[in-house]
Amino acid sequence: MPHSLILNLTPKSPIYPQFLTGRHLHALFLTLVSSVDKELGTHLHDSKADKAFTLSPLQISKRNSPIAKGSKRGSILKSQHQEAISTGTPCWWRISLLDDALFGKLTQLWLNLNPQQPWHLGSADLYITSIQGTPQSTQPWANACSYNQLYEQASDSERIISVNFATPTAWRQGKYDSTLPTRESVFKSLLSRWNKYSGIEFENLNFDAIFPSFINIHTEIVPDSRSKFIGIVGEVSYRIMGDVEAIQIKQINALADFALYCGIGRKTTMGMGMGRRVRS
């Protein structure tokens, strides 16, 4: 069962931009895991395989306002910070977990959360004040749904799929990255993770009938100490064209709904490739 959890955080001291990178947030997540299961934390650190979690960049909370810049339907999240986040500034951070085993092992962390315990992000200390796991009107990134529910609730007739790429997204092609959101790159990325974690394998699913019908994207560059990551942000709508079996339409819609949890493309455990389906 995939979970998309929002951790609400308050810094005890300023968080400087050099500690707000994907690498530092990845390290914070492993610290949280190791606090309840050291062996699991070490395993996740050492594993080179596709991992059963994704992370977002750290976001500053804004009361009674949209959670990020962008359209009413979708949004673009802040993927890098030029200035320090001040002491006491309310923040949020999304962690998604793609299998029950990982969620179960972290249950003690969620149940025994101590809002007075500081956690380290670089040179800063911060408190986890609460965790959200269900949808909120001002927080569309929180949710939980079983794989069976995702599949059963997926439409077998809806032909328009709009995807909000909220943090820079790119796909590996050979030795290099590509920022072109083709039907193959987007939906094969979703299919690979669905087949790995859901237990409901989609065999012989063909994407040839999917065509882009609306594109509003631009590229963003996210520098790191070792490299630069270039990815797209914005919205792309795809339309299923022609004579397509209802079961295939249902499977494609299930993949689109799954995007909220699994991310799209590369570096999803470093805050990149954060996306979700949006509807008018």
C-alpha atoms as a PDB file:
ATOM      1  CA  MET A   1       0.000   0.000   0.000  1.00  0.00           C
ATOM      2  CA  PRO A   2       1.589   3.292  -1.027  1.00  0.00           C
ATOM      3  CA  HIS A   3       1.612   6.203   1.416  1.00  0.00           C
ATOM      4  CA  SER A   4       2.339   9.869   0.730  1.00  0.00           C
ATOM      5  CA  LEU A   5       3.186  11.439   4.081  1.00  0.00           C
ATOM      6  CA  ILE A   6       3.686  15.109   4.880  1.00  0.00           C
ATOM      7  CA  LEU A   7       6.048  15.881   7.739  1.00  0.00           C
ATOM      8  CA  ASN A   8       5.475  19.336   9.214  1.00  0.00           C
ATOM      9  CA  LEU A   9       8.763  20.746  10.484  1.00  0.00           C
ATOM     10  CA  THR A  10       9.989  23.750  12.437  1.00  0.00           C
ATOM     11  CA  PRO A  11      13.698  24.708  12.406  1.00  0.00           C
ATOM     12  CA  LYS A  12      15.277  25.338  15.799  1.00  0.00           C
ATOM     13  CA  SER A  13      18.103  27.194  14.047  1.00  0.00           C
ATOM     14  CA  PRO A  14      18.572  28.602  10.513  1.00  0.00           C
ATOM     15  CA  ILE A  15      18.848  26.060   7.685  1.00  0.00           C
ATOM     16  CA  TYR A  16      21.427  27.316   5.213  1.00  0.00           C
ATOM     17  CA  PRO A  17      21.017  26.696   1.459  1.00  0.00           C
ATOM     18  CA  GLN A  18      23.977  24.307   1.213  1.00  0.00           C
ATOM     19  CA  PHE A  19      22.146  21.935   3.576  1.00  0.00           C
ATOM     20  CA  LEU A  20      18.862  21.977   1.617  1.00  0.00           C
ATOM     21  CA  THR A  21      20.080  19.786  -1.236  1.00  0.00           C
ATOM     22  CA  GLY A  22      18.651  16.414  -2.155  1.00  0.00           C
ATOM     23  CA  ARG A  23      21.717  14.712  -0.691  1.00  0.00           C
ATOM     24  CA  HIS A  24      21.209  16.270   2.737  1.00  0.00           C
ATOM     25  CA  LEU A  25      17.482  15.494   2.798  1.00  0.00           C
ATOM     26  CA  HIS A  26      18.231  11.930   1.696  1.00  0.00           C
ATOM     27  CA  ALA A  27      20.649  11.657   4.632  1.00  0.00           C
ATOM     28  CA  LEU A  28      17.977  13.004   7.012  1.00  0.00           C
ATOM     29  CA  PHE A  29      15.529  10.333   5.832  1.00  0.00           C
ATOM     30  CA  LEU A  30      18.105   7.587   6.422  1.00  0.00           C
ATOM     31  CA  THR A  31      18.712   9.018   9.906  1.00  0.00           C
ATOM     32  CA  LEU A  32      14.970   8.794  10.639  1.00  0.00           C
ATOM     33  CA  VAL A  33      14.907   5.184   9.395  1.00  0.00           C
ATOM     34  CA  SER A  34      18.027   4.232  11.378  1.00  0.00           C
ATOM     35  CA  SER A  35      16.510   5.656  14.552  1.00  0.00           C
ATOM     36  CA  VAL A  36      13.991   2.767  14.567  1.00  0.00           C
ATOM     37  CA  ASP A  37      15.811   0.163  12.424  1.00  0.00           C
ATOM     38  CA  LYS A  38      19.540   0.638  12.020  1.00  0.00           C
ATOM     39  CA  GLU A  39      19.916  -2.387   9.754  1.00  0.00           C
ATOM     40  CA  LEU A  40      17.220  -1.082   7.405  1.00  0.00           C
ATOM     41  CA  GLY A  41      18.866   2.355   7.315  1.00  0.00           C
ATOM     42  CA  THR A  42      22.171   0.771   6.326  1.00  0.00           C
ATOM     43  CA  HIS A  43      20.460  -1.372   3.677  1.00  0.00           C
ATOM     44  CA  LEU A  44      18.720   1.633   2.096  1.00  0.00           C
ATOM     45  CA  HIS A  45      21.990   3.566   2.144  1.00  0.00           C
ATOM     46  CA  ASP A  46      23.942   0.785   0.429  1.00  0.00           C
ATOM     47  CA  SER A  47      21.275  -0.347  -2.049  1.00  0.00           C
ATOM     48  CA  LYS A  48      21.785   0.646  -5.681  1.00  0.00           C
ATOM     49  CA  ALA A  49      18.440  -0.731  -6.831  1.00  0.00           C
ATOM     50  CA  ASP A  50      15.238   1.243  -7.401  1.00  0.00           C
ATOM     51  CA  LYS A  51      14.191   2.190  -3.859  1.00  0.00           C
ATOM     52  CA  ALA A  52      10.734   1.954  -2.325  1.00  0.00           C
ATOM     53  CA  PHE A  53      10.529   5.607  -1.259  1.00  0.00           C
ATOM     54  CA  THR A  54      10.638   9.113  -2.693  1.00  0.00           C
ATOM     55  CA  LEU A  55      11.393  12.481  -1.106  1.00  0.00           C
ATOM     56  CA  SER A  56      10.479  16.072  -1.874  1.00  0.00           C
ATOM     57  CA  PRO A  57      12.602  19.185  -1.463  1.00  0.00           C
ATOM     58  CA  LEU A  58      11.909  21.074   1.771  1.00  0.00           C
ATOM     59  CA  GLN A  59       9.043  23.552   1.334  1.00  0.00           C
ATOM     60  CA  ILE A  60       8.112  26.641   3.341  1.00  0.00           C
ATOM     61  CA  SER A  61       4.496  26.497   4.560  1.00  0.00           C
ATOM     62  CA  LYS A  62       2.177  29.382   3.747  1.00  0.00           C
ATOM     63  CA  ARG A  63      -1.092  29.609   5.619  1.00  0.00           C
ATOM     64  CA  ASN A  64      -4.343  29.997   3.701  1.00  0.00           C
ATOM     65  CA  SER A  65      -2.555  30.275   0.390  1.00  0.00           C
ATOM     66  CA  PRO A  66      -1.598  27.929  -2.445  1.00  0.00           C
ATOM     67  CA  ILE A  67       1.247  25.628  -1.451  1.00  0.00           C
ATOM     68  CA  ALA A  68       3.362  26.734  -4.369  1.00  0.00           C
ATOM     69  CA  LYS A  69       3.412  28.933  -7.420  1.00  0.00           C
ATOM     70  CA  GLY A  70       1.582  27.647 -10.454  1.00  0.00           C
ATOM     71  CA  SER A  71      -1.861  27.103 -11.881  1.00  0.00           C
ATOM     72  CA  LYS A  72      -4.982  26.328  -9.870  1.00  0.00           C
ATOM     73  CA  ARG A  73      -4.705  22.672 -10.841  1.00  0.00           C
ATOM     74  CA  GLY A  74      -1.004  21.984 -10.610  1.00  0.00           C
ATOM     75  CA  SER A  75       1.932  23.623  -8.921  1.00  0.00           C
ATOM     76  CA  ILE A  76       5.679  23.980  -9.121  1.00  0.00           C
ATOM     77  CA  LEU A  77       7.475  23.343  -5.856  1.00  0.00           C
ATOM     78  CA  LYS A  78      10.656  25.056  -4.759  1.00  0.00           C
ATOM     79  CA  SER A  79      13.508  22.738  -5.674  1.00  0.00           C
ATOM     80  CA  GLN A  80      16.332  24.920  -4.349  1.00  0.00           C
ATOM     81  CA  HIS A  81      16.758  27.777  -1.880  1.00  0.00           C
ATOM     82  CA  GLN A  82      18.959  30.830  -2.375  1.00  0.00           C
ATOM     83  CA  GLU A  83      18.602  32.071   1.209  1.00  0.00           C
ATOM     84  CA  ALA A  84      18.563  30.427   4.615  1.00  0.00           C
ATOM     85  CA  ILE A  85      15.253  29.286   6.116  1.00  0.00           C
ATOM     86  CA  SER A  86      14.903  31.269   9.348  1.00  0.00           C
ATOM     87  CA  THR A  87      14.453  29.836  12.826  1.00  0.00           C
ATOM     88  CA  GLY A  88      10.798  29.023  13.567  1.00  0.00           C
ATOM     89  CA  THR A  89       9.649  29.078   9.925  1.00  0.00           C
ATOM     90  CA  PRO A  90       6.961  26.382   9.414  1.00  0.00           C
ATOM     91  CA  CYS A  91       8.051  23.939   6.699  1.00  0.00           C
ATOM     92  CA  TRP A  92       6.802  20.705   5.167  1.00  0.00           C
ATOM     93  CA  TRP A  93       8.515  17.720   3.591  1.00  0.00           C
ATOM     94  CA  ARG A  94       6.927  14.879   1.630  1.00  0.00           C
ATOM     95  CA  ILE A  95       8.008  11.265   2.057  1.00  0.00           C
ATOM     96  CA  SER A  96       6.276   8.578   0.007  1.00  0.00           C
ATOM     97  CA  LEU A  97       6.598   4.869   0.761  1.00  0.00           C
ATOM     98  CA  LEU A  98       5.745   2.307  -1.899  1.00  0.00           C
ATOM     99  CA  ASP A  99       5.417  -0.924   0.052  1.00  0.00           C
ATOM    100  CA  ASP A 100       3.829  -2.044   3.308  1.00  0.00           C
ATOM    101  CA  ALA A 101       7.026  -3.642   4.573  1.00  0.00           C
ATOM    102  CA  LEU A 102       8.847  -0.302   4.630  1.00  0.00           C
ATOM    103  CA  PHE A 103       5.855   1.530   6.105  1.00  0.00           C
ATOM    104  CA  GLY A 104       5.433  -1.158   8.759  1.00  0.00           C
ATOM    105  CA  LYS A 105       9.050  -0.965   9.838  1.00  0.00           C
ATOM    106  CA  LEU A 106       8.706   2.787  10.305  1.00  0.00           C
ATOM    107  CA  THR A 107       5.428   2.600  12.236  1.00  0.00           C
ATOM    108  CA  GLN A 108       7.206   3.087  15.561  1.00  0.00           C
ATOM    109  CA  LEU A 109       8.705   6.307  14.238  1.00  0.00           C
ATOM    110  CA  TRP A 110       5.287   7.737  13.402  1.00  0.00           C
ATOM    111  CA  LEU A 111       3.596   6.456  16.578  1.00  0.00           C
ATOM    112  CA  ASN A 112       6.310   7.592  18.983  1.00  0.00           C
ATOM    113  CA  LEU A 113       6.994  10.943  17.383  1.00  0.00           C
ATOM    114  CA  ASN A 114       8.443  13.355  19.927  1.00  0.00           C
ATOM    115  CA  PRO A 115       7.874  16.973  18.818  1.00  0.00           C
ATOM    116  CA  GLN A 116      10.612  18.058  21.251  1.00  0.00           C
ATOM    117  CA  GLN A 117      13.286  15.808  19.732  1.00  0.00           C
ATOM    118  CA  PRO A 118      15.618  17.705  17.400  1.00  0.00           C
ATOM    119  CA  TRP A 119      16.764  16.168  14.124  1.00  0.00           C
ATOM    120  CA  HIS A 120      19.829  17.377  12.270  1.00  0.00           C
ATOM    121  CA  LEU A 121      19.835  18.794   8.749  1.00  0.00           C
ATOM    122  CA  GLY A 122      23.389  19.898   8.119  1.00  0.00           C
ATOM    123  CA  SER A 123      24.276  22.379  10.844  1.00  0.00           C
ATOM    124  CA  ALA A 124      20.615  23.009  11.718  1.00  0.00           C
ATOM    125  CA  ASP A 125      18.319  21.341  14.218  1.00  0.00           C
ATOM    126  CA  LEU A 126      14.630  20.955  13.449  1.00  0.00           C
ATOM    127  CA  TYR A 127      11.532  19.506  15.071  1.00  0.00           C
ATOM    128  CA  ILE A 128       8.937  17.266  13.421  1.00  0.00           C
ATOM    129  CA  THR A 129       5.709  18.741  14.801  1.00  0.00           C
ATOM    130  CA  SER A 130       3.155  16.519  13.033  1.00  0.00           C
ATOM    131  CA  ILE A 131       2.598  14.066  10.184  1.00  0.00           C
ATOM    132  CA  GLN A 132      -0.284  14.126   7.691  1.00  0.00           C
ATOM    133  CA  GLY A 133      -1.285  11.016   5.789  1.00  0.00           C
ATOM    134  CA  THR A 134      -4.695  11.965   4.352  1.00  0.00           C
ATOM    135  CA  PRO A 135      -5.713  14.589   1.773  1.00  0.00           C
ATOM    136  CA  GLN A 136      -6.139  18.177   2.943  1.00  0.00           C
ATOM    137  CA  SER A 137      -7.660  21.087   1.024  1.00  0.00           C
ATOM    138  CA  THR A 138      -4.367  22.996   1.227  1.00  0.00           C
ATOM    139  CA  GLN A 139      -2.106  19.941   0.969  1.00  0.00           C
ATOM    140  CA  PRO A 140      -2.806  17.714  -2.065  1.00  0.00           C
ATOM    141  CA  TRP A 141       0.430  15.731  -1.614  1.00  0.00           C
ATOM    142  CA  ALA A 142      -0.817  13.798   1.449  1.00  0.00           C
ATOM    143  CA  ASN A 143      -2.677  10.551   0.733  1.00  0.00           C
ATOM    144  CA  ALA A 144      -2.767   6.784   1.143  1.00  0.00           C
ATOM    145  CA  CYS A 145      -4.464   4.148  -0.982  1.00  0.00           C
ATOM    146  CA  SER A 146      -3.977   0.420  -1.492  1.00  0.00           C
ATOM    147  CA  TYR A 147      -2.851  -0.859  -4.871  1.00  0.00           C
ATOM    148  CA  ASN A 148      -6.135  -2.740  -5.225  1.00  0.00           C
ATOM    149  CA  GLN A 149      -8.047   0.496  -4.590  1.00  0.00           C
ATOM    150  CA  LEU A 150      -5.911   2.404  -7.075  1.00  0.00           C
ATOM    151  CA  TYR A 151      -6.701  -0.181  -9.712  1.00  0.00           C
ATOM    152  CA  GLU A 152     -10.401  -0.633  -8.886  1.00  0.00           C
ATOM    153  CA  GLN A 153     -11.023   3.133  -8.774  1.00  0.00           C
ATOM    154  CA  ALA A 154      -9.206   3.794 -12.065  1.00  0.00           C
ATOM    155  CA  SER A 155     -11.507   4.777 -14.918  1.00  0.00           C
ATOM    156  CA  ASP A 156     -11.815   2.477 -17.943  1.00  0.00           C
ATOM    157  CA  SER A 157     -13.155   5.326 -20.110  1.00  0.00           C
ATOM    158  CA  GLU A 158     -11.274   8.522 -19.143  1.00  0.00           C
ATOM    159  CA  ARG A 159      -8.988   9.421 -22.036  1.00  0.00           C
ATOM    160  CA  ILE A 160      -7.360  12.680 -20.882  1.00  0.00           C
ATOM    161  CA  ILE A 161      -4.462  12.432 -18.446  1.00  0.00           C
ATOM    162  CA  SER A 162      -2.862  15.654 -17.207  1.00  0.00           C
ATOM    163  CA  VAL A 163       0.380  15.398 -15.262  1.00  0.00           C
ATOM    164  CA  ASN A 164       1.860  18.117 -13.062  1.00  0.00           C
ATOM    165  CA  PHE A 165       5.664  17.889 -12.947  1.00  0.00           C
ATOM    166  CA  ALA A 166       6.215  19.739  -9.670  1.00  0.00           C
ATOM    167  CA  THR A 167      10.003  19.331  -9.338  1.00  0.00           C
ATOM    168  CA  PRO A 168      12.586  18.979 -12.121  1.00  0.00           C
ATOM    169  CA  THR A 169      12.046  15.708 -13.972  1.00  0.00           C
ATOM    170  CA  ALA A 170      14.319  13.899 -16.424  1.00  0.00           C
ATOM    171  CA  TRP A 171      14.822  10.387 -17.742  1.00  0.00           C
ATOM    172  CA  ARG A 172      17.990   8.415 -18.416  1.00  0.00           C
ATOM    173  CA  GLN A 173      18.633   7.534 -22.052  1.00  0.00           C
ATOM    174  CA  GLY A 174      21.881   5.647 -22.457  1.00  0.00           C
ATOM    175  CA  LYS A 175      24.670   7.668 -20.866  1.00  0.00           C
ATOM    176  CA  TYR A 176      22.726  10.928 -20.713  1.00  0.00           C
ATOM    177  CA  ASP A 177      19.561  12.516 -19.355  1.00  0.00           C
ATOM    178  CA  SER A 178      16.606  13.534 -21.515  1.00  0.00           C
ATOM    179  CA  THR A 179      14.067  16.189 -20.478  1.00  0.00           C
ATOM    180  CA  LEU A 180      11.496  15.293 -23.169  1.00  0.00           C
ATOM    181  CA  PRO A 181       8.280  13.974 -21.531  1.00  0.00           C
ATOM    182  CA  THR A 182       7.415  11.435 -24.231  1.00  0.00           C
ATOM    183  CA  ARG A 183       4.690   8.893 -23.622  1.00  0.00           C
ATOM    184  CA  GLU A 184       7.320   6.148 -23.387  1.00  0.00           C
ATOM    185  CA  SER A 185       9.503   7.954 -20.848  1.00  0.00           C
ATOM    186  CA  VAL A 186       6.601   9.004 -18.598  1.00  0.00           C
ATOM    187  CA  PHE A 187       4.420   5.895 -18.660  1.00  0.00           C
ATOM    188  CA  LYS A 188       7.186   3.303 -18.788  1.00  0.00           C
ATOM    189  CA  SER A 189       8.664   4.912 -15.671  1.00  0.00           C
ATOM    190  CA  LEU A 190       5.298   4.555 -13.915  1.00  0.00           C
ATOM    191  CA  LEU A 191       4.768   1.020 -15.244  1.00  0.00           C
ATOM    192  CA  SER A 192       8.159  -0.188 -14.033  1.00  0.00           C
ATOM    193  CA  ARG A 193       7.466   0.885 -10.454  1.00  0.00           C
ATOM    194  CA  TRP A 194       3.867  -0.311 -10.532  1.00  0.00           C
ATOM    195  CA  ASN A 195       4.917  -3.803 -11.643  1.00  0.00           C
ATOM    196  CA  LYS A 196       7.676  -3.916  -9.022  1.00  0.00           C
ATOM    197  CA  TYR A 197       5.614  -2.916  -5.972  1.00  0.00           C
ATOM    198  CA  SER A 198       1.885  -3.378  -6.614  1.00  0.00           C
ATOM    199  CA  GLY A 199       1.560  -7.142  -6.965  1.00  0.00           C
ATOM    200  CA  ILE A 200      -0.856  -6.439  -9.869  1.00  0.00           C
ATOM    201  CA  GLU A 201       1.383  -6.739 -12.897  1.00  0.00           C
ATOM    202  CA  PHE A 202       0.273  -5.114 -16.144  1.00  0.00           C
ATOM    203  CA  GLU A 203       1.491  -7.316 -18.995  1.00  0.00           C
ATOM    204  CA  ASN A 204       1.632  -6.258 -22.643  1.00  0.00           C
ATOM    205  CA  LEU A 205       0.459  -2.719 -21.899  1.00  0.00           C
ATOM    206  CA  ASN A 206       0.932  -0.643 -25.025  1.00  0.00           C
ATOM    207  CA  PHE A 207       1.369   3.153 -25.002  1.00  0.00           C
ATOM    208  CA  ASP A 208       1.160   3.729 -28.768  1.00  0.00           C
ATOM    209  CA  ALA A 209      -2.314   5.292 -28.504  1.00  0.00           C
ATOM    210  CA  ILE A 210      -1.173   8.034 -26.085  1.00  0.00           C
ATOM    211  CA  PHE A 211      -0.477  11.455 -27.613  1.00  0.00           C
ATOM    212  CA  PRO A 212       0.367  14.807 -25.972  1.00  0.00           C
ATOM    213  CA  SER A 213      -2.490  17.310 -26.328  1.00  0.00           C
ATOM    214  CA  PHE A 214      -1.287  20.194 -24.120  1.00  0.00           C
ATOM    215  CA  ILE A 215       2.225  21.196 -23.056  1.00  0.00           C
ATOM    216  CA  ASN A 216       3.216  23.996 -20.686  1.00  0.00           C
ATOM    217  CA  ILE A 217       6.703  23.224 -19.395  1.00  0.00           C
ATOM    218  CA  HIS A 218      10.138  24.763 -18.952  1.00  0.00           C
ATOM    219  CA  THR A 219      13.463  23.470 -17.707  1.00  0.00           C
ATOM    220  CA  GLU A 220      15.062  24.159 -14.349  1.00  0.00           C
ATOM    221  CA  ILE A 221      18.649  23.549 -13.282  1.00  0.00           C
ATOM    222  CA  VAL A 222      19.357  22.202  -9.805  1.00  0.00           C
ATOM    223  CA  PRO A 223      23.055  22.426  -8.884  1.00  0.00           C
ATOM    224  CA  ASP A 224      24.663  20.003  -6.466  1.00  0.00           C
ATOM    225  CA  SER A 225      28.176  19.835  -5.097  1.00  0.00           C
ATOM    226  CA  ARG A 226      29.070  17.206  -7.686  1.00  0.00           C
ATOM    227  CA  SER A 227      26.922  17.993 -10.727  1.00  0.00           C
ATOM    228  CA  LYS A 228      23.943  19.849 -12.164  1.00  0.00           C
ATOM    229  CA  PHE A 229      20.562  18.248 -12.727  1.00  0.00           C
ATOM    230  CA  ILE A 230      18.386  19.623 -15.542  1.00  0.00           C
ATOM    231  CA  GLY A 231      14.713  18.686 -15.629  1.00  0.00           C
ATOM    232  CA  ILE A 232      11.308  19.907 -16.740  1.00  0.00           C
ATOM    233  CA  VAL A 233       8.589  21.429 -14.554  1.00  0.00           C
ATOM    234  CA  GLY A 234       5.049  22.347 -15.545  1.00  0.00           C
ATOM    235  CA  GLU A 235       2.112  20.431 -16.995  1.00  0.00           C
ATOM    236  CA  VAL A 236       1.579  18.029 -19.866  1.00  0.00           C
ATOM    237  CA  SER A 237      -1.770  16.570 -20.906  1.00  0.00           C
ATOM    238  CA  TYR A 238      -1.938  13.291 -22.797  1.00  0.00           C
ATOM    239  CA  ARG A 239      -4.919  11.907 -24.695  1.00  0.00           C
ATOM    240  CA  ILE A 240      -5.683   8.252 -25.399  1.00  0.00           C
ATOM    241  CA  MET A 241      -6.650   8.108 -29.065  1.00  0.00           C
ATOM    242  CA  GLY A 242      -8.454   5.590 -31.250  1.00  0.00           C
ATOM    243  CA  ASP A 243      -9.856   2.131 -30.576  1.00  0.00           C
ATOM    244  CA  VAL A 244      -8.319   1.027 -27.257  1.00  0.00           C
ATOM    245  CA  GLU A 245      -9.627  -1.765 -25.033  1.00  0.00           C
ATOM    246  CA  ALA A 246     -11.290  -0.639 -21.804  1.00  0.00           C
ATOM    247  CA  ILE A 247      -8.869  -2.693 -19.697  1.00  0.00           C
ATOM    248  CA  GLN A 248      -5.887  -0.898 -21.236  1.00  0.00           C
ATOM    249  CA  ILE A 249      -7.505   2.492 -20.591  1.00  0.00           C
ATOM    250  CA  LYS A 250      -8.082   1.405 -16.985  1.00  0.00           C
ATOM    251  CA  GLN A 251      -4.446   0.349 -16.574  1.00  0.00           C
ATOM    252  CA  ILE A 252      -3.145   3.637 -18.018  1.00  0.00           C
ATOM    253  CA  ASN A 253      -5.411   5.598 -15.665  1.00  0.00           C
ATOM    254  CA  ALA A 254      -4.203   3.534 -12.699  1.00  0.00           C
ATOM    255  CA  LEU A 255      -0.602   4.388 -13.593  1.00  0.00           C
ATOM    256  CA  ALA A 256      -1.479   8.089 -13.790  1.00  0.00           C
ATOM    257  CA  ASP A 257      -3.084   7.975 -10.329  1.00  0.00           C
ATOM    258  CA  PHE A 258      -0.033   6.100  -8.986  1.00  0.00           C
ATOM    259  CA  ALA A 259       2.279   8.961 -10.013  1.00  0.00           C
ATOM    260  CA  LEU A 260       1.466  10.818  -6.782  1.00  0.00           C
ATOM    261  CA  TYR A 261       3.274   8.141  -4.798  1.00  0.00           C
ATOM    262  CA  CYS A 262       6.036   6.779  -7.009  1.00  0.00           C
ATOM    263  CA  GLY A 263       7.464   9.861  -8.699  1.00  0.00           C
ATOM    264  CA  ILE A 264       8.515  10.008 -12.338  1.00  0.00           C
ATOM    265  CA  GLY A 265      11.934   9.599 -13.911  1.00  0.00           C
ATOM    266  CA  ARG A 266      15.274   9.927 -12.125  1.00  0.00           C
ATOM    267  CA  LYS A 267      16.498  10.937  -8.654  1.00  0.00           C
ATOM    268  CA  THR A 268      13.101  10.628  -6.975  1.00  0.00           C
ATOM    269  CA  THR A 269      14.861   9.831  -3.677  1.00  0.00           C
ATOM    270  CA  MET A 270      16.648  13.190  -3.961  1.00  0.00           C
ATOM    271  CA  GLY A 271      13.574  15.385  -4.470  1.00  0.00           C
ATOM    272  CA  MET A 272      13.408  15.244  -8.256  1.00  0.00           C
ATOM    273  CA  GLY A 273      10.628  13.804 -10.424  1.00  0.00           C
ATOM    274  CA  MET A 274       7.837  14.724  -8.024  1.00  0.00           C
ATOM    275  CA  GLY A 275       4.614  14.612 -10.021  1.00  0.00           C
ATOM    276  CA  ARG A 276       0.901  13.967  -9.754  1.00  0.00           C
ATOM    277  CA  ARG A 277      -2.177  13.738 -11.889  1.00  0.00           C
ATOM    278  CA  VAL A 278      -4.316  16.890 -11.957  1.00  0.00           C
ATOM    279  CA  ARG A 279      -7.897  17.360 -13.093  1.00  0.00           C
ATOM    280  CA  SER A 280      -9.882  20.419 -14.114  1.00  0.00           C
END
